[in-house]
């Protein structure tokens, strides 16, 4: 017999349960960190583009010296020279990424508001359906007691009033953000 199978009393082989494998927590942490970064990725992209341009503008002999000696001061002077020579391109790149980041963030906010509004509307519909089922269980089928019915109705009513307060405010905010 192999290790994967163990014998039962009626000579029936049963497969051993192997533990479920979970995703690595580090991947989840990285995803959460990426979500937290809103507009800072634009600055990182600009930095990487500038660094790539610097590396490609350095002659091949200096590249070999840089890789052999790992001379940080050479890289620093080349970066300064690059910024002095191509300052207008750096400003244009920063402007483009800043402009794109601004409108990207606005679109993100609008989508988030729309999802929130849709979620509140569906929650309101499900609560109304729950209220209907509670009424039918109380009065038609007589399954629940009056005390349980009243408790449920108070809880559902409180949730509906909360949704009725939040929904118009979110809709107004969505209309204002669309036009700004």
Protein backbone atom coordinates (compact mmCIF):
# COMPACT_ATOMS: atom_id res chain seq x y z
CA UNK A 1 0.00 0.00 0.00
CA UNK A 2 1.18 3.52 -0.72
CA UNK A 3 1.17 6.42 1.70
CA UNK A 4 -1.69 8.13 -0.10
CA UNK A 5 -4.18 5.43 0.82
CA UNK A 6 -5.16 4.05 4.20
CA UNK A 7 -7.10 0.91 4.84
CA UNK A 8 -10.63 0.97 6.27
CA UNK A 9 -12.31 -1.84 8.19
CA UNK A 10 -14.22 -3.22 5.15
CA UNK A 11 -11.15 -3.40 2.90
CA UNK A 12 -12.16 -0.20 1.13
CA UNK A 13 -9.35 2.10 0.17
CA UNK A 14 -9.83 5.75 0.96
CA UNK A 15 -7.65 8.52 -0.34
CA UNK A 16 -5.97 10.70 2.28
CA UNK A 17 -6.98 14.32 2.19
CA UNK A 18 -4.14 16.58 1.20
CA UNK A 19 -4.10 20.05 2.71
CA UNK A 20 -5.35 22.83 0.45
CA UNK A 21 -2.69 25.12 -0.80
CA UNK A 22 -3.26 28.80 -0.20
CA UNK A 23 -1.94 31.68 -2.18
CA UNK A 24 1.15 33.32 -0.88
CA UNK A 25 0.48 36.18 1.47
CA UNK A 26 3.25 38.19 -0.10
CA UNK A 27 1.30 38.43 -3.38
CA UNK A 28 -1.70 39.80 -1.50
CA UNK A 29 0.46 42.33 0.31
CA UNK A 30 1.98 43.48 -2.96
CA UNK A 31 -1.47 43.85 -4.54
CA UNK A 32 -2.67 45.91 -1.57
CA UNK A 33 0.40 48.14 -1.78
CA UNK A 34 -0.17 48.65 -5.51
CA UNK A 35 -3.78 49.68 -4.83
CA UNK A 36 -2.61 52.21 -2.25
CA UNK A 37 -0.36 53.89 -4.80
CA UNK A 38 -2.59 56.32 -6.70
CA UNK A 39 -0.55 58.84 -8.58
CA UNK A 40 2.98 58.07 -7.44
CA UNK A 41 3.46 55.51 -10.18
CA UNK A 42 3.70 58.36 -12.67
CA UNK A 43 6.77 59.72 -10.91
CA UNK A 44 8.35 56.29 -10.87
CA UNK A 45 7.73 55.84 -14.58
CA UNK A 46 9.29 59.22 -15.33
CA UNK A 47 12.32 58.30 -13.24
CA UNK A 48 12.73 54.99 -15.06
CA UNK A 49 12.42 56.64 -18.47
CA UNK A 50 15.02 59.24 -17.52
CA UNK A 51 17.35 56.54 -16.21
CA UNK A 52 16.99 54.50 -19.41
CA UNK A 53 17.68 57.56 -21.55
CA UNK A 54 20.75 58.35 -19.45
CA UNK A 55 22.09 54.83 -19.87
CA UNK A 56 21.55 54.89 -23.63
CA UNK A 57 23.16 58.32 -24.05
CA UNK A 58 26.36 57.26 -22.30
CA UNK A 59 28.94 56.04 -24.84
CA UNK A 60 29.76 52.32 -24.79
CA UNK A 61 33.22 52.84 -23.27
CA UNK A 62 31.69 54.70 -20.36
CA UNK A 63 29.07 51.96 -19.99
CA UNK A 64 31.84 49.39 -19.59
CA UNK A 65 33.64 51.60 -17.06
CA UNK A 66 30.37 52.14 -15.22
CA UNK A 67 29.62 48.41 -15.03
CA UNK A 68 33.20 47.51 -14.08
CA UNK A 69 33.89 50.19 -11.51
CA UNK A 70 30.32 50.85 -10.40
CA UNK A 71 31.22 54.47 -10.10
CA UNK A 72 28.26 56.32 -8.66
CA UNK A 73 29.77 59.73 -9.15
CA UNK A 74 29.95 59.14 -12.91
CA UNK A 75 26.28 58.28 -12.97
CA UNK A 76 25.53 61.39 -10.95
CA UNK A 77 27.43 63.66 -13.32
CA UNK A 78 25.80 62.02 -16.33
CA UNK A 79 22.38 62.51 -14.78
CA UNK A 80 23.14 66.17 -14.15
CA UNK A 81 24.39 66.56 -17.71
CA UNK A 82 21.27 64.83 -19.01
CA UNK A 83 18.95 67.13 -17.06
CA UNK A 84 20.91 70.18 -18.20
CA UNK A 85 20.73 69.08 -21.82
CA UNK A 86 17.18 67.62 -21.96
CA UNK A 87 15.38 69.63 -19.26
CA UNK A 88 12.51 70.49 -21.61
CA UNK A 89 11.81 66.80 -22.35
CA UNK A 90 11.73 66.03 -18.64
CA UNK A 91 9.25 68.86 -18.07
CA UNK A 92 7.08 67.67 -20.95
CA UNK A 93 7.12 64.10 -19.59
CA UNK A 94 6.21 65.30 -16.10
CA UNK A 95 3.41 67.42 -17.51
CA UNK A 96 1.98 64.56 -19.54
CA UNK A 97 2.09 62.13 -16.63
CA UNK A 98 0.68 64.71 -14.23
CA UNK A 99 -2.15 65.57 -16.60
CA UNK A 100 -2.92 61.90 -17.25
CA UNK A 101 -2.73 61.06 -13.57
CA UNK A 102 -5.17 63.83 -12.68
CA UNK A 103 -7.81 62.70 -15.17
CA UNK A 104 -7.17 59.04 -14.38
CA UNK A 105 -7.82 59.70 -10.72
CA UNK A 106 -11.04 61.57 -11.56
CA UNK A 107 -12.24 58.61 -13.64
CA UNK A 108 -11.37 56.26 -10.77
CA UNK A 109 -13.43 58.38 -8.35
CA UNK A 110 -16.41 58.47 -10.74
CA UNK A 111 -16.37 54.69 -11.20
CA UNK A 112 -16.13 54.18 -7.46
CA UNK A 113 -19.14 56.47 -6.88
CA UNK A 114 -21.17 54.66 -9.56
CA UNK A 115 -20.42 51.28 -8.01
CA UNK A 116 -21.38 52.60 -4.58
CA UNK A 117 -24.70 53.94 -5.91
CA UNK A 118 -25.48 50.66 -7.70
CA UNK A 119 -24.63 48.73 -4.54
CA UNK A 120 -26.97 50.86 -2.43
CA UNK A 121 -29.81 50.46 -4.94
CA UNK A 122 -29.44 46.68 -5.03
CA UNK A 123 -29.26 46.58 -1.23
CA UNK A 124 -32.49 48.59 -1.06
CA UNK A 125 -34.21 46.15 -3.44
CA UNK A 126 -33.09 43.12 -1.44
CA UNK A 127 -34.24 44.69 1.83
CA UNK A 128 -37.67 45.40 0.31
CA UNK A 129 -37.85 41.76 -0.83
CA UNK A 130 -36.91 40.61 2.68
CA UNK A 131 -39.65 42.81 4.12
CA UNK A 132 -42.19 41.23 1.74
CA UNK A 133 -41.12 37.71 2.70
CA UNK A 134 -41.29 38.59 6.40
CA UNK A 135 -44.83 39.94 5.93
CA UNK A 136 -45.94 36.83 4.10
CA UNK A 137 -44.34 34.58 6.74
CA UNK A 138 -46.07 36.52 9.51
CA UNK A 139 -49.56 37.03 8.14
CA UNK A 140 -50.15 34.34 5.49
CA UNK A 141 -48.13 31.40 6.73
CA UNK A 142 -47.96 32.38 10.43
CA UNK A 143 -44.40 31.01 10.71
CA UNK A 144 -42.86 33.78 12.79
CA UNK A 145 -44.06 35.42 15.98
CA UNK A 146 -45.13 39.08 16.20
CA UNK A 147 -42.02 39.91 18.26
CA UNK A 148 -39.63 38.52 15.65
CA UNK A 149 -41.62 40.23 12.89
CA UNK A 150 -41.43 43.61 14.64
CA UNK A 151 -37.70 43.23 15.28
CA UNK A 152 -37.05 42.41 11.63
CA UNK A 153 -39.17 45.30 10.40
CA UNK A 154 -37.34 47.76 12.66
CA UNK A 155 -33.97 46.51 11.45
CA UNK A 156 -35.01 46.62 7.78
CA UNK A 157 -36.63 50.04 8.23
CA UNK A 158 -33.45 51.43 9.79
CA UNK A 159 -31.36 50.16 6.91
CA UNK A 160 -33.75 51.62 4.33
CA UNK A 161 -33.75 55.05 5.99
CA UNK A 162 -29.96 55.00 6.05
CA UNK A 163 -29.88 54.14 2.34
CA UNK A 164 -32.45 56.86 1.57
CA UNK A 165 -30.17 59.39 3.29
CA UNK A 166 -26.96 58.29 1.56
CA UNK A 167 -28.25 57.69 -1.97
CA UNK A 168 -29.30 61.27 -2.89
CA UNK A 169 -26.06 62.68 -1.48
CA UNK A 170 -23.98 60.29 -3.56
CA UNK A 171 -26.02 61.03 -6.71
CA UNK A 172 -25.52 64.77 -6.24
CA UNK A 173 -21.81 64.24 -5.71
CA UNK A 174 -21.64 62.13 -8.89
CA UNK A 175 -23.37 64.86 -10.93
CA UNK A 176 -21.03 67.53 -9.55
CA UNK A 177 -17.90 65.47 -10.21
CA UNK A 178 -18.97 64.80 -13.82
CA UNK A 179 -19.11 68.49 -14.65
CA UNK A 180 -15.96 69.63 -12.85
